[in-house]
Amino acid sequence: MVWSLVRRSRTRTGLPVPGRCEPGRHVLATERLLLFTPRTLLDVAAALAAGADAEAQRWLGNGSERIAPDSAARRALLERRPAGDGGRRVPRRLAEPFAPGPDEPVFLVCVRRSDLSYAGGLQVQHHEGEMGGWLAPRCRGQGLGTELFRAGAVLAHTHLGMSTVRAGAETGNTASRRALARAGFLPAEGPRRHTLPDGRVVDSVWLRHEAASDFHCT
């Protein structure tokens, strides 16, 4: 889980700027979304809360509802803004800095550019060549999934140097499959059955995104 990535580092102020990546930290933007490596535990908790509701967990099965065990706690996290930009004081524990581990999956928090509200999360397992993402309930059904997965492909190709990245989806998850297809992902070979982190076994389909060239942003 992402919580295992927590390390102490220097606190940062102000939102990251796309194109100003640093070693181990990435920033990119789509038309409506800003994605960046979390800077605080608030970023991590809000990103996980965005996918902790029952609808998301039906597909994700990762147990992240433990971060925010009830709907009120999830709403409270998602009503905040990165680095306390919403004018509300951030609890000390959530204000602690976050530093990614070098061998962990690359994890980005996603915010909506129009109001800087937390919108979801994106994760790339660069060693396995796979990615996944999720959106907060109020951000679904608006075409943002396509932007999120397109950003995932950009992250994989131009930030992590991956020529191919794959994504899996449960067969019945038509929203994710449609968003992946619109983001340029094509059908790929893969196991027809997939075991989710919570132990459930589901029917799955796989898609891939390939780049003509690849390079590292840092």
Protein backbone atom coordinates (compact mmCIF):
# COMPACT_ATOMS: atom_id res chain seq x y z
CA MET A 1 0.00 0.00 0.00
CA VAL A 2 0.95 3.60 -0.54
CA TRP A 3 1.24 4.22 3.21
CA SER A 4 4.44 2.15 3.18
CA LEU A 5 6.02 4.88 1.05
CA VAL A 6 5.86 7.53 3.76
CA ARG A 7 9.22 9.07 4.61
CA ARG A 8 10.25 12.36 6.18
CA SER A 9 11.59 15.06 3.89
CA ARG A 10 11.54 18.83 3.51
CA THR A 11 8.10 20.40 3.49
CA ARG A 12 7.14 22.07 0.22
CA THR A 13 4.81 24.99 -0.35
CA GLY A 14 2.72 25.88 -3.37
CA LEU A 15 1.44 23.45 -5.96
CA PRO A 16 3.99 21.79 -8.25
CA VAL A 17 4.34 23.15 -11.78
CA PRO A 18 4.02 20.80 -14.78
CA GLY A 19 7.35 20.29 -16.48
CA ARG A 20 9.36 20.86 -13.29
CA CYS A 21 10.03 17.28 -12.35
CA GLU A 22 12.77 16.25 -9.94
CA PRO A 23 14.40 12.87 -9.34
CA GLY A 24 11.68 10.64 -7.93
CA ARG A 25 9.01 13.35 -8.25
CA HIS A 26 6.82 13.93 -11.28
CA VAL A 27 4.31 16.59 -12.33
CA LEU A 28 2.04 16.61 -15.36
CA ALA A 29 -1.25 18.13 -16.41
CA THR A 30 -4.19 17.49 -18.72
CA GLU A 31 -6.87 19.93 -19.77
CA ARG A 32 -8.73 19.57 -16.46
CA LEU A 33 -6.39 17.67 -14.14
CA LEU A 34 -3.09 18.28 -12.37
CA LEU A 35 -1.15 15.22 -11.23
CA PHE A 36 1.93 15.21 -9.01
CA THR A 37 3.88 13.11 -6.55
CA PRO A 38 2.25 13.63 -3.13
CA ARG A 39 4.02 16.14 -0.91
CA THR A 40 2.15 15.53 2.34
CA LEU A 41 0.22 12.72 4.03
CA LEU A 42 -2.91 14.75 3.29
CA ASP A 43 -2.26 14.26 -0.43
CA VAL A 44 -1.88 10.51 0.09
CA ALA A 45 -4.92 10.15 2.34
CA ALA A 46 -7.18 12.20 0.05
CA ALA A 47 -6.07 10.29 -3.05
CA LEU A 48 -6.83 6.98 -1.34
CA ALA A 49 -10.15 8.29 0.00
CA ALA A 50 -11.15 9.17 -3.56
CA GLY A 51 -11.24 5.47 -4.37
CA ALA A 52 -12.37 4.08 -1.02
CA ASP A 53 -16.14 4.12 -1.57
CA ALA A 54 -18.05 0.90 -2.21
CA GLU A 55 -18.48 1.54 -5.93
CA ALA A 56 -14.74 1.99 -6.50
CA GLN A 57 -13.78 -0.87 -4.21
CA ARG A 58 -15.99 -3.19 -6.22
CA TRP A 59 -13.42 -2.83 -9.01
CA LEU A 60 -10.24 -2.02 -7.06
CA GLY A 61 -10.56 -4.44 -4.15
CA ASN A 62 -7.52 -2.95 -2.41
CA GLY A 63 -8.99 -2.32 1.01
CA SER A 64 -8.10 1.38 0.99
CA GLU A 65 -11.41 2.05 2.77
CA ARG A 66 -9.38 1.43 5.94
CA ILE A 67 -7.81 4.86 5.44
CA ALA A 68 -11.24 6.53 5.72
CA PRO A 69 -13.61 3.89 7.15
CA ASP A 70 -16.79 5.93 6.83
CA SER A 71 -18.32 8.23 4.26
CA ALA A 72 -18.08 11.31 6.50
CA ALA A 73 -14.32 10.87 6.92
CA ARG A 74 -13.90 10.43 3.17
CA ARG A 75 -15.92 13.57 2.44
CA ALA A 76 -13.89 15.54 4.98
CA LEU A 77 -10.65 14.55 3.27
CA LEU A 78 -11.96 15.28 -0.22
CA GLU A 79 -13.24 18.71 0.84
CA ARG A 80 -9.72 19.80 1.72
CA ARG A 81 -7.25 21.30 -0.72
CA PRO A 82 -3.57 20.40 -1.26
CA ALA A 83 -1.22 22.02 1.25
CA GLY A 84 -4.24 23.45 3.08
CA ASP A 85 -5.06 25.81 0.22
CA GLY A 86 -8.74 25.67 1.19
CA GLY A 87 -8.11 27.93 4.15
CA ARG A 88 -8.66 25.15 6.70
CA ARG A 89 -5.89 24.16 9.05
CA VAL A 90 -4.49 20.71 8.27
CA PRO A 91 -4.05 18.36 11.24
CA ARG A 92 -0.39 17.99 12.14
CA ARG A 93 -0.30 14.30 11.26
CA LEU A 94 -1.65 14.94 7.74
CA ALA A 95 0.70 17.89 7.23
CA GLU A 96 3.78 15.68 7.59
CA PRO A 97 5.85 15.44 4.40
CA PHE A 98 5.78 12.47 2.07
CA ALA A 99 8.77 11.08 0.20
CA PRO A 100 8.41 8.19 -2.27
CA GLY A 101 10.55 5.09 -1.92
CA PRO A 102 12.79 4.28 -4.91
CA ASP A 103 11.53 0.70 -5.32
CA GLU A 104 7.82 1.40 -4.77
CA PRO A 105 5.24 1.94 -7.54
CA VAL A 106 5.12 5.50 -8.86
CA PHE A 107 2.09 7.14 -7.27
CA LEU A 108 0.55 10.50 -8.21
CA VAL A 109 -2.26 12.40 -6.54
CA CYS A 110 -4.75 13.99 -8.91
CA VAL A 111 -6.52 17.33 -8.39
CA ARG A 112 -9.07 19.14 -10.51
CA ARG A 113 -7.53 22.30 -11.96
CA SER A 114 -10.76 24.33 -11.85
CA ASP A 115 -11.02 24.35 -8.04
CA LEU A 116 -7.94 22.37 -6.85
CA SER A 117 -10.18 19.74 -5.28
CA TYR A 118 -8.79 16.24 -4.85
CA ALA A 119 -9.94 14.16 -7.80
CA GLY A 120 -8.25 10.75 -7.55
CA GLY A 121 -4.99 8.88 -7.91
CA LEU A 122 -2.75 7.22 -10.48
CA GLN A 123 -0.25 4.43 -9.93
CA VAL A 124 2.33 2.92 -12.28
CA GLN A 125 4.12 -0.29 -11.34
CA HIS A 126 7.15 0.37 -13.47
CA HIS A 127 8.82 -2.97 -12.77
CA GLU A 128 5.73 -4.89 -13.92
CA GLY A 129 4.91 -2.42 -16.71
CA GLU A 130 1.35 -1.88 -15.45
CA MET A 131 -0.75 1.11 -14.40
CA GLY A 132 -4.09 1.84 -12.76
CA GLY A 133 -6.09 4.82 -11.60
CA TRP A 134 -9.29 5.94 -9.94
CA LEU A 135 -11.46 9.04 -9.54
CA ALA A 136 -13.45 10.51 -6.66
CA PRO A 137 -17.24 9.96 -6.87
CA ARG A 138 -18.00 13.56 -7.87
CA CYS A 139 -15.45 13.38 -10.71
CA ARG A 140 -16.87 10.30 -12.43
CA GLY A 141 -18.98 10.29 -15.56
CA GLN A 142 -17.39 13.48 -16.94
CA GLY A 143 -14.73 12.10 -19.24
CA LEU A 144 -11.99 12.64 -16.66
CA GLY A 145 -11.12 8.95 -16.70
CA THR A 146 -9.86 9.34 -20.25
CA GLU A 147 -7.67 12.26 -19.19
CA LEU A 148 -6.41 10.30 -16.19
CA PHE A 149 -5.40 7.25 -18.24
CA ARG A 150 -3.91 9.42 -20.97
CA ALA A 151 -1.80 11.07 -18.28
CA GLY A 152 -0.79 7.62 -17.09
CA ALA A 153 0.50 6.79 -20.55
CA VAL A 154 2.46 10.06 -20.65
CA LEU A 155 3.90 9.34 -17.22
CA ALA A 156 4.97 5.86 -18.29
CA HIS A 157 6.49 6.88 -21.62
CA THR A 158 8.01 10.32 -21.11
CA HIS A 159 8.70 10.30 -17.37
CA LEU A 160 9.61 6.68 -16.65
CA GLY A 161 11.09 5.67 -20.01
CA MET A 162 8.64 2.80 -20.63
CA SER A 163 7.95 1.94 -24.25
CA THR A 164 4.85 -0.10 -23.34
CA VAL A 165 2.45 0.14 -20.41
CA ARG A 166 -0.46 -2.20 -19.71
CA ALA A 167 -3.70 -1.75 -17.80
CA GLY A 168 -6.19 -4.35 -16.67
CA ALA A 169 -9.90 -3.97 -16.04
CA GLU A 170 -12.65 -6.22 -14.81
CA THR A 171 -14.71 -7.43 -17.74
CA GLY A 172 -17.85 -5.74 -16.40
CA ASN A 173 -16.16 -2.40 -15.73
CA THR A 174 -17.31 -0.78 -18.95
CA ALA A 175 -16.50 2.75 -17.75
CA SER A 176 -12.81 1.97 -17.25
CA ARG A 177 -12.58 -0.03 -20.46
CA ARG A 178 -14.14 2.81 -22.42
CA ALA A 179 -11.87 5.41 -20.81
CA LEU A 180 -8.78 3.34 -21.54
CA ALA A 181 -9.81 2.89 -25.17
CA ARG A 182 -10.44 6.62 -25.57
CA ALA A 183 -7.02 7.27 -24.05
CA GLY A 184 -5.43 5.26 -26.86
CA PHE A 185 -5.04 1.87 -25.18
CA LEU A 186 -5.42 -1.16 -27.44
CA PRO A 187 -6.41 -4.77 -26.61
CA ALA A 188 -3.55 -6.85 -25.25
CA GLU A 189 -2.90 -10.42 -24.18
CA GLY A 190 -3.28 -11.10 -20.48
CA PRO A 191 -4.70 -13.50 -17.91
CA ARG A 192 -8.46 -13.92 -18.15
CA ARG A 193 -8.78 -14.20 -14.38
CA HIS A 194 -7.24 -11.75 -11.94
CA THR A 195 -6.98 -11.87 -8.14
CA LEU A 196 -7.69 -8.52 -6.47
CA PRO A 197 -5.80 -7.49 -3.31
CA ASP A 198 -8.79 -8.45 -1.17
CA GLY A 199 -8.69 -11.99 -2.53
CA ARG A 200 -11.62 -11.80 -4.95
CA VAL A 201 -11.04 -13.40 -8.34
CA VAL A 202 -12.60 -11.56 -11.29
CA ASP A 203 -12.79 -11.90 -15.06
CA SER A 204 -10.36 -9.43 -16.61
CA VAL A 205 -9.35 -7.84 -19.89
CA TRP A 206 -6.03 -6.17 -20.67
CA LEU A 207 -5.02 -3.21 -22.79
CA ARG A 208 -1.69 -1.67 -23.73
CA HIS A 209 -0.32 1.70 -24.78
CA GLU A 210 2.88 1.98 -26.78
CA ALA A 211 5.15 4.90 -27.62
CA ALA A 212 7.31 5.40 -30.69
CA SER A 213 10.12 6.69 -28.48
CA ASP A 214 10.74 7.03 -24.76
CA PHE A 215 12.89 9.14 -22.48
CA HIS A 216 13.19 10.19 -18.85
CA CYS A 217 12.04 13.62 -17.73
CA THR A 218 14.89 13.85 -15.20
